[in-house]
Amino acid sequence: MFKHILLGTDGSAASEHAASLAVDLARSHGAKLTALYVVDPYPYLGVGETNPMGFQAYMAAAQQHAAEAHAKVAQLCRQADPPVALEVRLVEDVTAMRGIVDMAQEEKADLVVVGSHGRTGISRLMLGSVAAQVVAHSPVPVLVVR
């Protein structure tokens, strides 16, 4: 049924759980899996010119975190029987929701898998929910894993 699954990953426990399920789905459907890590725009809030050292440190940390998140997914794909074909992608300077939705369209994915921290009430209202935003804007079905 599924030929291409897009996994939004951020390296959190919630996204690791989603990755496990996405790998199982890809294995059982013989689907390709793309693991996407989105780097949010640099959170510079000051007035005047940005500090290039701060931006470089931010990007270096984000790229390292992405590599670690992708490595976890790659290990799950190698351990699957049969192994799952994986492509890793990194998108910079967009919100997580926009990066995931745009990549789903660009890659012609037929399913998006994202993890959810399961926040409710005030914490969800204050922090927002990437998963809920993806569900609201995605052109393809979204599986939210808690």
N, C-alpha and C. Protein backbone atom coordinates (compact mmCIF):
# COMPACT_ATOMS: atom_id res chain seq x y z
N MET A 1 0.82 -1.19 0.00
CA MET A 1 0.00 0.00 0.00
C MET A 1 0.86 1.26 0.00
N PHE A 2 1.85 1.34 0.90
CA PHE A 2 2.73 2.51 0.95
C PHE A 2 4.00 2.22 0.15
N LYS A 3 4.41 3.21 -0.64
CA LYS A 3 5.64 3.07 -1.44
C LYS A 3 6.75 3.96 -0.91
N HIS A 4 6.38 5.08 -0.28
CA HIS A 4 7.37 6.02 0.24
C HIS A 4 6.85 6.65 1.51
N ILE A 5 7.55 6.41 2.61
CA ILE A 5 7.16 6.92 3.92
C ILE A 5 8.16 8.01 4.33
N LEU A 6 7.63 9.14 4.77
CA LEU A 6 8.46 10.23 5.27
C LEU A 6 8.36 10.25 6.79
N LEU A 7 9.49 10.17 7.44
CA LEU A 7 9.57 10.21 8.90
C LEU A 7 10.16 11.54 9.33
N GLY A 8 9.41 12.30 10.10
CA GLY A 8 9.96 13.52 10.70
C GLY A 8 10.62 13.13 12.01
N THR A 9 11.92 13.42 12.13
CA THR A 9 12.63 13.02 13.34
C THR A 9 13.37 14.21 13.95
N ASP A 10 13.39 14.24 15.27
CA ASP A 10 14.16 15.28 15.97
C ASP A 10 15.08 14.67 17.02
N GLY A 11 15.18 13.34 17.04
CA GLY A 11 16.06 12.68 17.99
C GLY A 11 15.47 12.46 19.36
N SER A 12 14.26 12.93 19.60
CA SER A 12 13.63 12.77 20.91
C SER A 12 13.13 11.34 21.09
N ALA A 13 12.76 11.01 22.32
CA ALA A 13 12.21 9.68 22.59
C ALA A 13 10.94 9.46 21.78
N ALA A 14 10.12 10.49 21.63
CA ALA A 14 8.88 10.36 20.86
C ALA A 14 9.19 10.06 19.39
N SER A 15 10.19 10.72 18.83
CA SER A 15 10.51 10.47 17.43
C SER A 15 11.22 9.13 17.25
N GLU A 16 11.93 8.66 18.26
CA GLU A 16 12.55 7.33 18.18
C GLU A 16 11.47 6.25 18.14
N HIS A 17 10.42 6.45 18.92
CA HIS A 17 9.30 5.50 18.91
C HIS A 17 8.61 5.53 17.54
N ALA A 18 8.44 6.74 16.99
CA ALA A 18 7.85 6.89 15.66
C ALA A 18 8.74 6.23 14.61
N ALA A 19 10.05 6.37 14.77
CA ALA A 19 11.00 5.77 13.82
C ALA A 19 10.88 4.26 13.81
N SER A 20 10.74 3.67 14.96
CA SER A 20 10.59 2.22 15.06
C SER A 20 9.35 1.75 14.30
N LEU A 21 8.26 2.45 14.48
CA LEU A 21 7.03 2.10 13.78
C LEU A 21 7.15 2.35 12.29
N ALA A 22 7.78 3.46 11.90
CA ALA A 22 7.96 3.78 10.48
C ALA A 22 8.81 2.72 9.78
N VAL A 23 9.86 2.26 10.45
CA VAL A 23 10.72 1.23 9.87
C VAL A 23 9.92 -0.07 9.70
N ASP A 24 9.13 -0.43 10.70
CA ASP A 24 8.31 -1.64 10.60
C ASP A 24 7.31 -1.53 9.44
N LEU A 25 6.68 -0.36 9.30
CA LEU A 25 5.74 -0.16 8.19
C LEU A 25 6.45 -0.24 6.84
N ALA A 26 7.61 0.40 6.74
CA ALA A 26 8.38 0.37 5.49
C ALA A 26 8.79 -1.06 5.14
N ARG A 27 9.22 -1.80 6.15
CA ARG A 27 9.63 -3.19 5.92
C ARG A 27 8.45 -4.03 5.45
N SER A 28 7.31 -3.91 6.11
CA SER A 28 6.17 -4.75 5.76
C SER A 28 5.55 -4.37 4.41
N HIS A 29 5.71 -3.12 3.98
CA HIS A 29 5.16 -2.68 2.70
C HIS A 29 6.19 -2.66 1.58
N GLY A 30 7.45 -2.93 1.92
CA GLY A 30 8.51 -2.84 0.92
C GLY A 30 8.70 -1.40 0.46
N ALA A 31 8.48 -0.46 1.35
CA ALA A 31 8.52 0.96 1.01
C ALA A 31 9.89 1.56 1.29
N LYS A 32 10.16 2.63 0.58
CA LYS A 32 11.34 3.45 0.84
C LYS A 32 11.02 4.33 2.04
N LEU A 33 12.02 4.60 2.87
CA LEU A 33 11.85 5.46 4.04
C LEU A 33 12.79 6.66 3.92
N THR A 34 12.24 7.84 4.10
CA THR A 34 13.05 9.06 4.15
C THR A 34 12.93 9.63 5.54
N ALA A 35 14.08 9.80 6.21
CA ALA A 35 14.11 10.41 7.54
C ALA A 35 14.51 11.87 7.38
N LEU A 36 13.66 12.75 7.85
CA LEU A 36 13.87 14.19 7.69
C LEU A 36 14.10 14.85 9.04
N TYR A 37 15.17 15.63 9.10
CA TYR A 37 15.45 16.45 10.28
C TYR A 37 15.35 17.91 9.83
N VAL A 38 14.55 18.70 10.52
CA VAL A 38 14.35 20.10 10.16
C VAL A 38 15.03 20.99 11.20
N VAL A 39 15.87 21.90 10.70
CA VAL A 39 16.54 22.88 11.56
C VAL A 39 15.73 24.17 11.52
N ASP A 40 15.18 24.53 12.65
CA ASP A 40 14.40 25.76 12.74
C ASP A 40 15.26 26.98 12.41
N PRO A 41 14.62 28.07 12.00
CA PRO A 41 15.38 29.29 11.75
C PRO A 41 16.17 29.71 13.00
N TYR A 42 17.31 30.33 12.77
CA TYR A 42 18.16 30.80 13.86
C TYR A 42 17.36 31.75 14.75
N PRO A 43 17.31 31.47 16.05
CA PRO A 43 16.45 32.25 16.95
C PRO A 43 17.09 33.55 17.44
N TYR A 44 17.56 34.37 16.51
CA TYR A 44 18.16 35.65 16.88
C TYR A 44 17.07 36.64 17.21
N LEU A 45 17.13 37.21 18.39
CA LEU A 45 16.07 38.11 18.83
C LEU A 45 16.53 39.54 19.04
N GLY A 46 17.82 39.81 18.86
CA GLY A 46 18.35 41.14 19.13
C GLY A 46 18.13 42.11 18.00
N VAL A 47 18.58 43.33 18.21
CA VAL A 47 18.50 44.37 17.21
C VAL A 47 19.90 44.60 16.66
N GLY A 48 20.00 44.82 15.37
CA GLY A 48 21.31 45.03 14.77
C GLY A 48 21.77 43.78 14.07
N GLU A 49 23.05 43.72 13.78
CA GLU A 49 23.58 42.59 13.04
C GLU A 49 23.68 41.34 13.93
N THR A 50 23.51 40.19 13.30
CA THR A 50 23.61 38.94 14.04
C THR A 50 25.07 38.60 14.27
N ASN A 51 25.31 37.87 15.30
CA ASN A 51 26.66 37.41 15.62
C ASN A 51 26.94 36.17 14.78
N PRO A 52 27.89 36.23 13.84
CA PRO A 52 28.14 35.06 12.98
C PRO A 52 28.63 33.85 13.78
N MET A 53 29.33 34.09 14.89
CA MET A 53 29.80 32.97 15.70
C MET A 53 28.61 32.24 16.34
N GLY A 54 27.61 32.98 16.78
CA GLY A 54 26.43 32.37 17.37
C GLY A 54 25.67 31.54 16.35
N PHE A 55 25.56 32.08 15.14
CA PHE A 55 24.88 31.35 14.07
C PHE A 55 25.65 30.08 13.71
N GLN A 56 26.97 30.19 13.60
CA GLN A 56 27.78 29.01 13.25
C GLN A 56 27.68 27.94 14.32
N ALA A 57 27.69 28.35 15.58
CA ALA A 57 27.57 27.38 16.68
C ALA A 57 26.20 26.72 16.64
N TYR A 58 25.16 27.52 16.38
CA TYR A 58 23.79 27.00 16.29
C TYR A 58 23.69 25.95 15.18
N MET A 59 24.22 26.28 14.00
CA MET A 59 24.14 25.37 12.87
C MET A 59 24.98 24.11 13.09
N ALA A 60 26.16 24.27 13.68
CA ALA A 60 27.00 23.11 13.95
C ALA A 60 26.31 22.15 14.92
N ALA A 61 25.70 22.70 15.96
CA ALA A 61 24.99 21.87 16.93
C ALA A 61 23.79 21.19 16.28
N ALA A 62 23.07 21.92 15.44
CA ALA A 62 21.89 21.35 14.76
C ALA A 62 22.31 20.23 13.82
N GLN A 63 23.38 20.42 13.08
CA GLN A 63 23.84 19.39 12.15
C GLN A 63 24.33 18.15 12.89
N GLN A 64 24.98 18.34 14.03
CA GLN A 64 25.41 17.20 14.85
C GLN A 64 24.20 16.44 15.39
N HIS A 65 23.22 17.18 15.87
CA HIS A 65 22.01 16.56 16.41
C HIS A 65 21.29 15.78 15.30
N ALA A 66 21.23 16.36 14.10
CA ALA A 66 20.59 15.70 12.95
C ALA A 66 21.33 14.40 12.62
N ALA A 67 22.65 14.44 12.62
CA ALA A 67 23.44 13.25 12.31
C ALA A 67 23.16 12.14 13.33
N GLU A 68 23.04 12.51 14.59
CA GLU A 68 22.74 11.51 15.63
C GLU A 68 21.34 10.93 15.45
N ALA A 69 20.37 11.79 15.15
CA ALA A 69 18.99 11.31 14.93
C ALA A 69 18.94 10.39 13.72
N HIS A 70 19.61 10.78 12.64
CA HIS A 70 19.63 9.95 11.43
C HIS A 70 20.33 8.62 11.68
N ALA A 71 21.38 8.63 12.49
CA ALA A 71 22.12 7.39 12.79
C ALA A 71 21.23 6.39 13.52
N LYS A 72 20.38 6.88 14.41
CA LYS A 72 19.46 5.99 15.13
C LYS A 72 18.47 5.33 14.17
N VAL A 73 17.95 6.12 13.23
CA VAL A 73 17.02 5.58 12.25
C VAL A 73 17.74 4.58 11.33
N ALA A 74 18.95 4.93 10.92
CA ALA A 74 19.73 4.04 10.04
C ALA A 74 19.99 2.70 10.71
N GLN A 75 20.26 2.72 12.00
CA GLN A 75 20.49 1.46 12.72
C GLN A 75 19.22 0.61 12.73
N LEU A 76 18.08 1.23 12.96
CA LEU A 76 16.81 0.48 12.92
C LEU A 76 16.59 -0.12 11.53
N CYS A 77 16.91 0.64 10.49
CA CYS A 77 16.73 0.15 9.12
C CYS A 77 17.66 -1.03 8.81
N ARG A 78 18.89 -0.97 9.30
CA ARG A 78 19.84 -2.08 9.08
C ARG A 78 19.41 -3.34 9.83
N GLN A 79 18.80 -3.16 11.00
CA GLN A 79 18.39 -4.30 11.82
C GLN A 79 17.11 -4.97 11.32
N ALA A 80 16.36 -4.29 10.50
CA ALA A 80 15.11 -4.85 9.98
C ALA A 80 15.43 -6.04 9.07
N ASP A 81 14.52 -6.98 9.02
CA ASP A 81 14.73 -8.15 8.16
C ASP A 81 13.54 -8.31 7.23
N PRO A 82 13.66 -7.96 5.96
CA PRO A 82 14.88 -7.48 5.29
C PRO A 82 15.16 -6.02 5.63
N PRO A 83 16.42 -5.58 5.43
CA PRO A 83 16.77 -4.18 5.71
C PRO A 83 15.90 -3.22 4.89
N VAL A 84 15.67 -2.04 5.44
CA VAL A 84 14.83 -1.03 4.81
C VAL A 84 15.71 0.02 4.13
N ALA A 85 15.35 0.35 2.88
CA ALA A 85 16.07 1.41 2.15
C ALA A 85 15.79 2.74 2.83
N LEU A 86 16.84 3.47 3.14
CA LEU A 86 16.71 4.74 3.86
C LEU A 86 17.42 5.86 3.11
N GLU A 87 16.76 7.00 3.07
CA GLU A 87 17.37 8.23 2.60
C GLU A 87 17.25 9.22 3.73
N VAL A 88 18.32 9.95 4.04
CA VAL A 88 18.25 10.95 5.09
C VAL A 88 18.30 12.33 4.46
N ARG A 89 17.53 13.23 5.02
CA ARG A 89 17.45 14.59 4.49
C ARG A 89 17.52 15.57 5.65
N LEU A 90 18.10 16.72 5.38
CA LEU A 90 18.20 17.81 6.34
C LEU A 90 17.69 19.07 5.65
N VAL A 91 16.77 19.75 6.29
CA VAL A 91 16.23 21.00 5.75
C VAL A 91 16.50 22.07 6.79
N GLU A 92 16.98 23.22 6.33
CA GLU A 92 17.35 24.31 7.24
C GLU A 92 16.48 25.54 7.03
N ASP A 93 16.35 26.29 8.10
CA ASP A 93 15.75 27.62 8.09
C ASP A 93 14.26 27.64 7.74
N VAL A 94 13.54 26.61 8.16
CA VAL A 94 12.09 26.59 8.07
C VAL A 94 11.55 25.98 9.36
N THR A 95 10.28 26.18 9.62
CA THR A 95 9.68 25.55 10.79
C THR A 95 9.57 24.05 10.53
N ALA A 96 9.47 23.27 11.58
CA ALA A 96 9.35 21.82 11.43
C ALA A 96 8.13 21.45 10.60
N MET A 97 7.01 22.08 10.87
CA MET A 97 5.79 21.77 10.12
C MET A 97 5.98 22.04 8.64
N ARG A 98 6.49 23.21 8.30
CA ARG A 98 6.65 23.58 6.89
C ARG A 98 7.66 22.66 6.21
N GLY A 99 8.74 22.33 6.89
CA GLY A 99 9.74 21.43 6.32
C GLY A 99 9.18 20.05 6.03
N ILE A 100 8.39 19.51 6.96
CA ILE A 100 7.82 18.17 6.79
C ILE A 100 6.78 18.18 5.68
N VAL A 101 5.88 19.15 5.69
CA VAL A 101 4.82 19.20 4.68
C VAL A 101 5.41 19.42 3.28
N ASP A 102 6.37 20.34 3.17
CA ASP A 102 6.99 20.59 1.86
C ASP A 102 7.75 19.36 1.36
N MET A 103 8.45 18.68 2.26
CA MET A 103 9.21 17.49 1.85
C MET A 103 8.27 16.36 1.44
N ALA A 104 7.14 16.22 2.11
CA ALA A 104 6.17 15.20 1.73
C ALA A 104 5.71 15.41 0.30
N GLN A 105 5.47 16.67 -0.06
CA GLN A 105 5.05 16.99 -1.43
C GLN A 105 6.20 16.79 -2.41
N GLU A 106 7.37 17.29 -2.06
CA GLU A 106 8.54 17.21 -2.95
C GLU A 106 8.93 15.76 -3.24
N GLU A 107 8.92 14.93 -2.20
CA GLU A 107 9.34 13.54 -2.34
C GLU A 107 8.21 12.61 -2.78
N LYS A 108 7.00 13.16 -2.89
CA LYS A 108 5.82 12.37 -3.26
C LYS A 108 5.61 11.19 -2.29
N ALA A 109 5.74 11.50 -1.01
CA ALA A 109 5.50 10.49 0.03
C ALA A 109 4.02 10.18 0.08
N ASP A 110 3.69 8.93 0.43
CA ASP A 110 2.27 8.61 0.58
C ASP A 110 1.86 8.44 2.03
N LEU A 111 2.82 8.63 2.96
CA LEU A 111 2.52 8.62 4.39
C LEU A 111 3.59 9.42 5.10
N VAL A 112 3.16 10.22 6.07
CA VAL A 112 4.07 10.95 6.95
C VAL A 112 3.92 10.35 8.34
N VAL A 113 5.05 10.05 8.99
CA VAL A 113 5.03 9.54 10.35
C VAL A 113 5.78 10.54 11.23
N VAL A 114 5.12 10.98 12.29
CA VAL A 114 5.73 11.90 13.25
C VAL A 114 5.43 11.42 14.66
N GLY A 115 6.32 11.76 15.57
CA GLY A 115 6.10 11.45 16.98
C GLY A 115 5.42 12.61 17.67
N SER A 116 4.77 12.30 18.77
CA SER A 116 4.13 13.33 19.57
C SER A 116 4.53 13.12 21.02
N HIS A 117 4.82 14.22 21.69
CA HIS A 117 5.20 14.13 23.10
C HIS A 117 4.00 13.90 23.99
N GLY A 118 2.81 14.03 23.44
CA GLY A 118 1.60 13.77 24.21
C GLY A 118 1.24 14.87 25.18
N ARG A 119 1.72 16.08 24.92
CA ARG A 119 1.37 17.19 25.81
C ARG A 119 -0.11 17.53 25.66
N THR A 120 -0.69 17.96 26.76
CA THR A 120 -2.09 18.38 26.74
C THR A 120 -2.23 19.69 27.50
N GLY A 121 -3.39 20.25 27.43
CA GLY A 121 -3.71 21.43 28.23
C GLY A 121 -2.83 22.63 27.92
N ILE A 122 -2.42 23.33 28.98
CA ILE A 122 -1.66 24.57 28.85
C ILE A 122 -0.31 24.33 28.19
N SER A 123 0.38 23.23 28.51
CA SER A 123 1.70 23.01 27.91
C SER A 123 1.59 22.87 26.39
N ARG A 124 0.53 22.22 25.90
CA ARG A 124 0.36 22.10 24.45
C ARG A 124 0.02 23.46 23.85
N LEU A 125 -0.82 24.21 24.55
CA LEU A 125 -1.20 25.53 24.07
C LEU A 125 0.02 26.46 23.99
N MET A 126 0.87 26.42 25.00
CA MET A 126 2.03 27.30 25.05
C MET A 126 3.14 26.84 24.10
N LEU A 127 3.38 25.54 24.03
CA LEU A 127 4.48 25.01 23.24
C LEU A 127 4.08 24.67 21.82
N GLY A 128 2.78 24.53 21.58
CA GLY A 128 2.32 24.15 20.25
C GLY A 128 2.55 22.66 20.02
N SER A 129 2.11 22.18 18.92
CA SER A 129 2.29 20.79 18.58
C SER A 129 2.63 20.68 17.10
N VAL A 130 3.87 20.30 16.83
CA VAL A 130 4.28 20.11 15.44
C VAL A 130 3.41 19.05 14.80
N ALA A 131 3.14 17.97 15.53
CA ALA A 131 2.33 16.89 14.98
C ALA A 131 0.95 17.40 14.56
N ALA A 132 0.31 18.19 15.41
CA ALA A 132 -1.02 18.72 15.09
C ALA A 132 -0.96 19.65 13.87
N GLN A 133 0.09 20.43 13.76
CA GLN A 133 0.24 21.32 12.61
C GLN A 133 0.45 20.52 11.33
N VAL A 134 1.24 19.45 11.41
CA VAL A 134 1.47 18.61 10.24
C VAL A 134 0.16 17.96 9.81
N VAL A 135 -0.59 17.44 10.75
CA VAL A 135 -1.89 16.83 10.44
C VAL A 135 -2.79 17.85 9.72
N ALA A 136 -2.79 19.08 10.21
CA ALA A 136 -3.66 20.11 9.64
C ALA A 136 -3.25 20.53 8.24
N HIS A 137 -1.97 20.44 7.90
CA HIS A 137 -1.49 20.97 6.62
C HIS A 137 -1.00 19.93 5.62
N SER A 138 -0.86 18.70 6.01
CA SER A 138 -0.28 17.69 5.13
C SER A 138 -1.24 17.29 4.01
N PRO A 139 -0.71 17.15 2.79
CA PRO A 139 -1.54 16.70 1.67
C PRO A 139 -1.71 15.18 1.64
N VAL A 140 -0.97 14.48 2.50
CA VAL A 140 -1.04 13.02 2.54
C VAL A 140 -1.36 12.58 3.97
N PRO A 141 -1.79 11.33 4.16
CA PRO A 141 -2.10 10.86 5.50
C PRO A 141 -0.91 11.00 6.46
N VAL A 142 -1.22 11.27 7.72
CA VAL A 142 -0.20 11.44 8.75
C VAL A 142 -0.49 10.46 9.88
N LEU A 143 0.52 9.72 10.26
CA LEU A 143 0.42 8.81 11.41
C LEU A 143 1.17 9.47 12.56
N VAL A 144 0.45 9.80 13.63
CA VAL A 144 1.05 10.41 14.80
C VAL A 144 1.25 9.31 15.84
N VAL A 145 2.50 9.16 16.27
CA VAL A 145 2.85 8.11 17.21
C VAL A 145 3.15 8.71 18.57
N ARG A 146 2.51 8.15 19.61
CA ARG A 146 2.74 8.62 20.98
C ARG A 146 3.45 7.59 21.77
